[in-house]
Amino acid sequence: MSHMSIRYPMDLPDNTRPANAYQALTQHALAGFRLLGMGNGIALLLVLSFSMGIIGADIDPPDLQEAALAYTAGLACSAMGLLFSYLSHFSLFRQIAAGRAGRGHWLPMVISVAAYCCAVAAFVLGCWSTIANSSSMLRDDVSYQNSKAMLENAEQAPA
């Protein structure tokens, strides 16, 4: 009797290109969530540091509660999207291992994409809120108003 190798579902196929493509796409998708989470996390740390006077202690910080809330929501959405991305990839991996295609990965994938979009929107909202509050802070600053009045008086003074 000849020796025949038995193929198990987890054995590597002869053509590894689809597996390599799947691995590359997985790494690319997860890198996006990591970058978005890192961006929201660093922005949240900077906003909180400025609000508590750790950074820029010589000036009064503007009200940055909306920005901090937006960055926190973006961080939470990034974490939720990463979790559902893992669930989606795990479901796809099980389908590949079983050798049959299914639709069990669609719901986690849709939730993951929605969480990613919400995290991007939260980051943009946080940036917009920070800039809006910071620019209104300049208009309320007494030294800014005095220097503006001095410049206007200097322009009107006869030469």
N, C-alpha and C. Protein backbone atom coordinates (compact mmCIF):
# COMPACT_ATOMS: atom_id res chain seq x y z
N MET A 1 0.85 -1.17 0.00
CA MET A 1 0.00 0.00 0.00
C MET A 1 0.90 1.24 0.00
N SER A 2 0.60 2.15 -0.84
CA SER A 2 1.42 3.35 -0.95
C SER A 2 1.08 4.33 0.16
N HIS A 3 2.08 5.09 0.50
CA HIS A 3 1.91 6.07 1.55
C HIS A 3 1.34 7.34 0.93
N MET A 4 0.15 7.71 1.33
CA MET A 4 -0.49 8.94 0.83
C MET A 4 -0.61 9.91 2.00
N SER A 5 -0.30 11.13 1.71
CA SER A 5 -0.44 12.12 2.77
C SER A 5 -1.91 12.52 2.89
N ILE A 6 -2.31 12.66 4.12
CA ILE A 6 -3.68 13.07 4.40
C ILE A 6 -3.68 14.58 4.56
N ARG A 7 -4.57 15.23 3.85
CA ARG A 7 -4.67 16.69 3.94
C ARG A 7 -5.72 17.07 4.96
N TYR A 8 -5.33 17.88 5.89
CA TYR A 8 -6.25 18.40 6.88
C TYR A 8 -6.66 19.80 6.45
N PRO A 9 -7.82 20.27 6.91
CA PRO A 9 -8.26 21.61 6.50
C PRO A 9 -7.28 22.72 6.87
N MET A 10 -6.47 22.54 7.91
CA MET A 10 -5.56 23.60 8.34
C MET A 10 -4.22 23.56 7.61
N ASP A 11 -4.00 22.54 6.76
CA ASP A 11 -2.75 22.47 6.00
C ASP A 11 -2.67 23.64 5.04
N LEU A 12 -1.44 24.07 4.77
CA LEU A 12 -1.26 25.15 3.82
C LEU A 12 -1.54 24.65 2.41
N PRO A 13 -2.24 25.44 1.62
CA PRO A 13 -2.50 25.01 0.24
C PRO A 13 -1.22 25.12 -0.59
N ASP A 14 -1.29 24.54 -1.78
CA ASP A 14 -0.15 24.62 -2.67
C ASP A 14 0.09 26.05 -3.14
N ASN A 15 -0.98 26.79 -3.36
CA ASN A 15 -0.88 28.18 -3.79
C ASN A 15 -1.13 29.07 -2.57
N THR A 16 -0.10 29.72 -2.07
CA THR A 16 -0.23 30.54 -0.85
C THR A 16 -0.55 32.00 -1.13
N ARG A 17 -0.73 32.35 -2.40
CA ARG A 17 -1.01 33.76 -2.71
C ARG A 17 -2.28 34.28 -2.07
N PRO A 18 -3.41 33.53 -2.11
CA PRO A 18 -4.61 34.06 -1.43
C PRO A 18 -4.41 34.24 0.08
N ALA A 19 -3.70 33.31 0.71
CA ALA A 19 -3.45 33.44 2.15
C ALA A 19 -2.57 34.65 2.45
N ASN A 20 -1.58 34.89 1.61
CA ASN A 20 -0.72 36.06 1.79
C ASN A 20 -1.48 37.35 1.57
N ALA A 21 -2.36 37.36 0.57
CA ALA A 21 -3.18 38.55 0.32
C ALA A 21 -4.13 38.81 1.49
N TYR A 22 -4.72 37.75 2.02
CA TYR A 22 -5.62 37.89 3.17
C TYR A 22 -4.86 38.44 4.38
N GLN A 23 -3.66 37.92 4.61
CA GLN A 23 -2.85 38.40 5.74
C GLN A 23 -2.47 39.87 5.57
N ALA A 24 -2.12 40.26 4.35
CA ALA A 24 -1.76 41.66 4.10
C ALA A 24 -2.96 42.58 4.31
N LEU A 25 -4.13 42.16 3.83
CA LEU A 25 -5.34 42.98 4.02
C LEU A 25 -5.70 43.09 5.50
N THR A 26 -5.53 42.01 6.24
CA THR A 26 -5.82 42.02 7.67
C THR A 26 -4.90 43.00 8.39
N GLN A 27 -3.62 42.95 8.09
CA GLN A 27 -2.66 43.85 8.73
C GLN A 27 -2.95 45.30 8.36
N HIS A 28 -3.35 45.53 7.13
CA HIS A 28 -3.66 46.89 6.67
C HIS A 28 -4.89 47.43 7.40
N ALA A 29 -5.93 46.60 7.54
CA ALA A 29 -7.15 47.05 8.22
C ALA A 29 -6.88 47.34 9.69
N LEU A 30 -6.11 46.48 10.34
CA LEU A 30 -5.83 46.69 11.76
C LEU A 30 -4.91 47.88 11.99
N ALA A 31 -4.02 48.16 11.05
CA ALA A 31 -3.14 49.33 11.18
C ALA A 31 -3.95 50.62 11.15
N GLY A 32 -5.01 50.67 10.36
CA GLY A 32 -5.87 51.86 10.33
C GLY A 32 -6.53 52.12 11.67
N PHE A 33 -7.02 51.05 12.32
CA PHE A 33 -7.63 51.22 13.64
C PHE A 33 -6.60 51.64 14.68
N ARG A 34 -5.42 51.07 14.60
CA ARG A 34 -4.37 51.44 15.56
C ARG A 34 -3.99 52.91 15.40
N LEU A 35 -3.84 53.35 14.16
CA LEU A 35 -3.49 54.75 13.91
C LEU A 35 -4.58 55.69 14.39
N LEU A 36 -5.82 55.35 14.13
CA LEU A 36 -6.94 56.19 14.56
C LEU A 36 -7.05 56.22 16.08
N GLY A 37 -6.85 55.08 16.72
CA GLY A 37 -6.87 55.04 18.18
C GLY A 37 -5.73 55.84 18.78
N MET A 38 -4.56 55.74 18.16
CA MET A 38 -3.40 56.49 18.65
C MET A 38 -3.62 57.99 18.46
N GLY A 39 -4.17 58.40 17.33
CA GLY A 39 -4.44 59.82 17.08
C GLY A 39 -5.43 60.39 18.08
N ASN A 40 -6.54 59.67 18.32
CA ASN A 40 -7.53 60.14 19.29
C ASN A 40 -6.96 60.14 20.70
N GLY A 41 -6.16 59.12 21.04
CA GLY A 41 -5.58 59.05 22.38
C GLY A 41 -4.58 60.16 22.65
N ILE A 42 -3.71 60.43 21.69
CA ILE A 42 -2.73 61.51 21.87
C ILE A 42 -3.42 62.87 21.94
N ALA A 43 -4.42 63.07 21.08
CA ALA A 43 -5.16 64.34 21.10
C ALA A 43 -5.87 64.52 22.44
N LEU A 44 -6.44 63.44 22.97
CA LEU A 44 -7.11 63.51 24.27
C LEU A 44 -6.11 63.85 25.37
N LEU A 45 -4.94 63.24 25.34
CA LEU A 45 -3.91 63.55 26.34
C LEU A 45 -3.48 65.01 26.26
N LEU A 46 -3.30 65.52 25.05
CA LEU A 46 -2.89 66.91 24.90
C LEU A 46 -3.97 67.88 25.38
N VAL A 47 -5.21 67.60 25.03
CA VAL A 47 -6.32 68.47 25.46
C VAL A 47 -6.44 68.45 26.98
N LEU A 48 -6.36 67.27 27.58
CA LEU A 48 -6.47 67.19 29.04
C LEU A 48 -5.26 67.85 29.71
N SER A 49 -4.07 67.68 29.14
CA SER A 49 -2.88 68.32 29.71
C SER A 49 -2.99 69.83 29.66
N PHE A 50 -3.51 70.35 28.57
CA PHE A 50 -3.68 71.80 28.45
C PHE A 50 -4.77 72.29 29.39
N SER A 51 -5.85 71.54 29.51
CA SER A 51 -6.95 71.95 30.39
C SER A 51 -6.55 71.95 31.85
N MET A 52 -5.67 71.02 32.24
CA MET A 52 -5.23 70.94 33.64
C MET A 52 -4.03 71.83 33.93
N GLY A 53 -3.51 72.51 32.92
CA GLY A 53 -2.41 73.44 33.13
C GLY A 53 -1.04 72.79 33.11
N ILE A 54 -0.94 71.55 32.70
CA ILE A 54 0.36 70.89 32.62
C ILE A 54 1.15 71.48 31.46
N ILE A 55 0.46 71.73 30.36
CA ILE A 55 1.05 72.37 29.19
C ILE A 55 0.43 73.76 29.07
N GLY A 56 1.22 74.76 28.85
CA GLY A 56 0.70 76.12 28.68
C GLY A 56 0.08 76.66 29.94
N ALA A 57 0.76 76.53 31.06
CA ALA A 57 0.20 76.95 32.34
C ALA A 57 0.10 78.46 32.47
N ASP A 58 0.77 79.21 31.60
CA ASP A 58 0.78 80.67 31.73
C ASP A 58 -0.45 81.34 31.13
N ILE A 59 -1.30 80.60 30.44
CA ILE A 59 -2.52 81.18 29.87
C ILE A 59 -3.73 80.41 30.37
N ASP A 60 -4.87 81.08 30.39
CA ASP A 60 -6.11 80.42 30.79
C ASP A 60 -6.57 79.49 29.68
N PRO A 61 -6.81 78.23 30.00
CA PRO A 61 -7.26 77.32 28.94
C PRO A 61 -8.73 77.57 28.60
N PRO A 62 -9.07 77.42 27.34
CA PRO A 62 -10.48 77.54 26.97
C PRO A 62 -11.25 76.31 27.44
N ASP A 63 -12.56 76.36 27.33
CA ASP A 63 -13.40 75.22 27.70
C ASP A 63 -13.25 74.15 26.62
N LEU A 64 -12.59 73.07 26.94
CA LEU A 64 -12.32 72.01 25.97
C LEU A 64 -13.07 70.72 26.30
N GLN A 65 -14.21 70.84 26.99
CA GLN A 65 -14.97 69.65 27.36
C GLN A 65 -15.52 68.93 26.13
N GLU A 66 -16.01 69.69 25.15
CA GLU A 66 -16.55 69.06 23.94
C GLU A 66 -15.45 68.31 23.19
N ALA A 67 -14.29 68.92 23.09
CA ALA A 67 -13.18 68.27 22.39
C ALA A 67 -12.74 67.01 23.13
N ALA A 68 -12.64 67.09 24.45
CA ALA A 68 -12.25 65.91 25.22
C ALA A 68 -13.28 64.80 25.08
N LEU A 69 -14.55 65.16 25.08
CA LEU A 69 -15.60 64.16 24.90
C LEU A 69 -15.53 63.54 23.51
N ALA A 70 -15.28 64.35 22.49
CA ALA A 70 -15.18 63.83 21.13
C ALA A 70 -13.99 62.89 20.98
N TYR A 71 -12.84 63.26 21.54
CA TYR A 71 -11.67 62.39 21.45
C TYR A 71 -11.88 61.10 22.24
N THR A 72 -12.57 61.18 23.38
CA THR A 72 -12.87 59.98 24.16
C THR A 72 -13.80 59.06 23.38
N ALA A 73 -14.81 59.64 22.74
CA ALA A 73 -15.73 58.84 21.92
C ALA A 73 -14.98 58.22 20.73
N GLY A 74 -14.06 58.97 20.14
CA GLY A 74 -13.27 58.43 19.03
C GLY A 74 -12.38 57.29 19.48
N LEU A 75 -11.82 57.40 20.67
CA LEU A 75 -10.99 56.33 21.22
C LEU A 75 -11.83 55.09 21.49
N ALA A 76 -13.03 55.27 22.04
CA ALA A 76 -13.93 54.14 22.31
C ALA A 76 -14.39 53.49 21.00
N CYS A 77 -14.71 54.30 20.00
CA CYS A 77 -15.12 53.74 18.70
C CYS A 77 -13.98 53.00 18.02
N SER A 78 -12.76 53.49 18.18
CA SER A 78 -11.60 52.78 17.62
C SER A 78 -11.44 51.42 18.28
N ALA A 79 -11.58 51.38 19.59
CA ALA A 79 -11.45 50.11 20.31
C ALA A 79 -12.57 49.15 19.92
N MET A 80 -13.79 49.66 19.80
CA MET A 80 -14.91 48.81 19.41
C MET A 80 -14.73 48.31 17.97
N GLY A 81 -14.27 49.18 17.09
CA GLY A 81 -14.03 48.76 15.71
C GLY A 81 -12.94 47.72 15.61
N LEU A 82 -11.90 47.88 16.41
CA LEU A 82 -10.81 46.90 16.43
C LEU A 82 -11.31 45.54 16.93
N LEU A 83 -12.14 45.56 17.97
CA LEU A 83 -12.71 44.33 18.49
C LEU A 83 -13.55 43.62 17.44
N PHE A 84 -14.45 44.35 16.79
CA PHE A 84 -15.30 43.72 15.78
C PHE A 84 -14.53 43.35 14.52
N SER A 85 -13.44 44.04 14.27
CA SER A 85 -12.58 43.65 13.15
C SER A 85 -11.94 42.30 13.44
N TYR A 86 -11.48 42.11 14.68
CA TYR A 86 -10.93 40.81 15.06
C TYR A 86 -11.99 39.72 14.95
N LEU A 87 -13.21 40.01 15.39
CA LEU A 87 -14.29 39.01 15.29
C LEU A 87 -14.59 38.67 13.84
N SER A 88 -14.58 39.66 12.99
CA SER A 88 -14.81 39.42 11.56
C SER A 88 -13.70 38.57 10.96
N HIS A 89 -12.45 38.89 11.30
CA HIS A 89 -11.34 38.11 10.77
C HIS A 89 -11.32 36.69 11.33
N PHE A 90 -11.72 36.54 12.58
CA PHE A 90 -11.79 35.21 13.17
C PHE A 90 -12.85 34.37 12.47
N SER A 91 -13.99 34.99 12.17
CA SER A 91 -15.04 34.28 11.45
C SER A 91 -14.57 33.86 10.05
N LEU A 92 -13.89 34.77 9.37
CA LEU A 92 -13.35 34.42 8.05
C LEU A 92 -12.31 33.32 8.13
N PHE A 93 -11.47 33.36 9.15
CA PHE A 93 -10.46 32.32 9.33
C PHE A 93 -11.11 30.95 9.55
N ARG A 94 -12.17 30.93 10.36
CA ARG A 94 -12.89 29.66 10.59
C ARG A 94 -13.53 29.16 9.30
N GLN A 95 -14.04 30.07 8.47
CA GLN A 95 -14.63 29.66 7.20
C GLN A 95 -13.56 29.07 6.27
N ILE A 96 -12.38 29.70 6.25
CA ILE A 96 -11.29 29.18 5.43
C ILE A 96 -10.85 27.82 5.93
N ALA A 97 -10.76 27.67 7.26
CA ALA A 97 -10.34 26.40 7.84
C ALA A 97 -11.34 25.29 7.57
N ALA A 98 -12.63 25.62 7.58
CA ALA A 98 -13.66 24.63 7.33
C ALA A 98 -13.83 24.34 5.84
N GLY A 99 -13.31 25.22 5.01
CA GLY A 99 -13.42 25.02 3.57
C GLY A 99 -14.78 25.37 3.00
N ARG A 100 -15.52 26.18 3.71
CA ARG A 100 -16.83 26.60 3.19
C ARG A 100 -17.00 28.10 3.43
N ALA A 101 -17.71 28.70 2.54
CA ALA A 101 -17.97 30.13 2.64
C ALA A 101 -19.28 30.35 3.38
N GLY A 102 -19.31 31.37 4.19
CA GLY A 102 -20.51 31.71 4.93
C GLY A 102 -20.68 33.21 5.01
N ARG A 103 -21.70 33.61 5.75
CA ARG A 103 -21.97 35.04 5.89
C ARG A 103 -21.85 35.51 7.34
N GLY A 104 -21.22 34.70 8.17
CA GLY A 104 -21.09 35.04 9.59
C GLY A 104 -20.21 36.24 9.86
N HIS A 105 -19.43 36.64 8.90
CA HIS A 105 -18.51 37.76 9.11
C HIS A 105 -19.11 39.10 8.73
N TRP A 106 -20.27 39.11 8.11
CA TRP A 106 -20.84 40.36 7.61
C TRP A 106 -21.23 41.33 8.72
N LEU A 107 -21.92 40.84 9.75
CA LEU A 107 -22.36 41.73 10.83
C LEU A 107 -21.18 42.35 11.58
N PRO A 108 -20.18 41.56 12.01
CA PRO A 108 -19.04 42.21 12.66
C PRO A 108 -18.30 43.17 11.72
N MET A 109 -18.25 42.85 10.45
CA MET A 109 -17.56 43.72 9.50
C MET A 109 -18.30 45.06 9.34
N VAL A 110 -19.62 45.01 9.25
CA VAL A 110 -20.41 46.24 9.11
C VAL A 110 -20.28 47.10 10.37
N ILE A 111 -20.34 46.45 11.54
CA ILE A 111 -20.18 47.19 12.79
C ILE A 111 -18.78 47.79 12.88
N SER A 112 -17.79 47.06 12.42
CA SER A 112 -16.41 47.54 12.43
C SER A 112 -16.25 48.77 11.53
N VAL A 113 -16.82 48.72 10.35
CA VAL A 113 -16.73 49.86 9.43
C VAL A 113 -17.48 51.06 9.99
N ALA A 114 -18.65 50.83 10.59
CA ALA A 114 -19.41 51.93 11.19
C ALA A 114 -18.63 52.55 12.36
N ALA A 115 -17.98 51.72 13.16
CA ALA A 115 -17.18 52.24 14.28
C ALA A 115 -15.99 53.04 13.77
N TYR A 116 -15.39 52.58 12.68
CA TYR A 116 -14.27 53.32 12.10
C TYR A 116 -14.73 54.70 11.62
N CYS A 117 -15.85 54.74 10.93
CA CYS A 117 -16.38 56.03 10.44
C CYS A 117 -16.73 56.95 11.61
N CYS A 118 -17.30 56.40 12.67
CA CYS A 118 -17.62 57.21 13.85
C CYS A 118 -16.35 57.73 14.53
N ALA A 119 -15.30 56.92 14.56
CA ALA A 119 -14.04 57.36 15.17
C ALA A 119 -13.41 58.48 14.36
N VAL A 120 -13.47 58.38 13.05
CA VAL A 120 -12.94 59.46 12.20
C VAL A 120 -13.76 60.74 12.41
N ALA A 121 -15.09 60.60 12.45
CA ALA A 121 -15.95 61.76 12.67
C ALA A 121 -15.69 62.39 14.04
N ALA A 122 -15.47 61.56 15.05
CA ALA A 122 -15.18 62.08 16.39
C ALA A 122 -13.85 62.83 16.42
N PHE A 123 -12.86 62.32 15.72
CA PHE A 123 -11.56 63.00 15.67
C PHE A 123 -11.70 64.36 14.98
N VAL A 124 -12.42 64.40 13.87
CA VAL A 124 -12.63 65.66 13.15
C VAL A 124 -13.42 66.64 14.02
N LEU A 125 -14.44 66.16 14.70
CA LEU A 125 -15.24 67.01 15.59
C LEU A 125 -14.40 67.54 16.74
N GLY A 126 -13.54 66.70 17.29
CA GLY A 126 -12.65 67.14 18.37
C GLY A 126 -11.69 68.21 17.91
N CYS A 127 -11.10 68.01 16.73
CA CYS A 127 -10.19 69.03 16.19
C CYS A 127 -10.93 70.33 15.93
N TRP A 128 -12.10 70.23 15.34
CA TRP A 128 -12.90 71.43 15.02
C TRP A 128 -13.28 72.16 16.30
N SER A 129 -13.69 71.42 17.32
CA SER A 129 -14.09 72.04 18.58
C SER A 129 -12.90 72.70 19.27
N THR A 130 -11.73 72.06 19.22
CA THR A 130 -10.53 72.63 19.83
C THR A 130 -10.15 73.94 19.14
N ILE A 131 -10.16 73.93 17.83
CA ILE A 131 -9.79 75.14 17.08
C ILE A 131 -10.81 76.25 17.29
N ALA A 132 -12.10 75.89 17.30
CA ALA A 132 -13.14 76.90 17.50
C ALA A 132 -13.03 77.54 18.88
N ASN A 133 -12.80 76.74 19.90
CA ASN A 133 -12.67 77.29 21.26
C ASN A 133 -11.37 78.07 21.43
N SER A 134 -10.33 77.64 20.78
CA SER A 134 -9.05 78.35 20.89
C SER A 134 -9.10 79.69 20.17
N SER A 135 -9.78 79.75 19.04
CA SER A 135 -9.85 81.02 18.32
C SER A 135 -10.75 82.01 19.05
N SER A 136 -11.79 81.55 19.71
CA SER A 136 -12.63 82.46 20.48
C SER A 136 -11.90 82.94 21.73
N MET A 137 -10.94 82.14 22.21
CA MET A 137 -10.16 82.54 23.37
C MET A 137 -9.32 83.78 23.06
N LEU A 138 -8.80 83.87 21.84
CA LEU A 138 -7.99 85.03 21.46
C LEU A 138 -8.80 86.32 21.45
N ARG A 139 -10.04 86.23 21.03
CA ARG A 139 -10.88 87.43 20.97
C ARG A 139 -11.23 87.94 22.36
N ASP A 140 -11.24 87.02 23.35
CA ASP A 140 -11.59 87.41 24.71
C ASP A 140 -10.37 87.83 25.53
N ASP A 141 -9.19 87.62 25.01
CA ASP A 141 -7.97 87.91 25.75
C ASP A 141 -7.74 89.42 25.80
N VAL A 142 -7.50 89.95 27.00
CA VAL A 142 -7.34 91.39 27.19
C VAL A 142 -6.08 91.89 26.49
N SER A 143 -4.99 91.14 26.56
CA SER A 143 -3.74 91.59 25.92
C SER A 143 -3.92 91.64 24.40
N TYR A 144 -4.71 90.71 23.86
CA TYR A 144 -4.97 90.74 22.42
C TYR A 144 -5.78 91.97 22.06
N GLN A 145 -6.79 92.28 22.87
CA GLN A 145 -7.63 93.45 22.59
C GLN A 145 -6.82 94.73 22.73
N ASN A 146 -5.93 94.83 23.74
CA ASN A 146 -5.10 96.02 23.92
C ASN A 146 -4.13 96.20 22.76
N SER A 147 -3.50 95.12 22.29
CA SER A 147 -2.56 95.24 21.18
C SER A 147 -3.30 95.60 19.90
N LYS A 148 -4.51 95.08 19.73
CA LYS A 148 -5.30 95.42 18.54
C LYS A 148 -5.67 96.91 18.57
N ALA A 149 -6.08 97.40 19.75
CA ALA A 149 -6.43 98.82 19.87
C ALA A 149 -5.21 99.70 19.66
N MET A 150 -4.06 99.26 20.15
CA MET A 150 -2.84 100.04 19.96
C MET A 150 -2.46 100.10 18.48
N LEU A 151 -2.63 98.99 17.77
CA LEU A 151 -2.32 98.98 16.35
C LEU A 151 -3.27 99.89 15.57
N GLU A 152 -4.54 99.89 15.95
CA GLU A 152 -5.51 100.75 15.27
C GLU A 152 -5.18 102.23 15.52
N ASN A 153 -4.80 102.55 16.75
CA ASN A 153 -4.43 103.93 17.09
C ASN A 153 -3.17 104.35 16.35
N ALA A 154 -2.23 103.43 16.18
CA ALA A 154 -1.00 103.75 15.49
C ALA A 154 -1.25 104.02 14.00
N GLU A 155 -2.22 103.31 13.44
CA GLU A 155 -2.56 103.52 12.02
C GLU A 155 -3.26 104.85 11.80
N GLN A 156 -4.05 105.30 12.80
CA GLN A 156 -4.81 106.53 12.65
C GLN A 156 -3.98 107.77 13.02
N ALA A 157 -2.89 107.58 13.70
CA ALA A 157 -2.08 108.74 14.14
C ALA A 157 -1.44 109.43 12.93
N PRO A 158 -1.43 110.77 12.93
CA PRO A 158 -0.83 111.47 11.80
C PRO A 158 0.68 111.31 11.83
N ALA A 159 1.24 111.24 10.66
CA ALA A 159 2.69 111.04 10.56
C ALA A 159 3.46 112.31 10.62
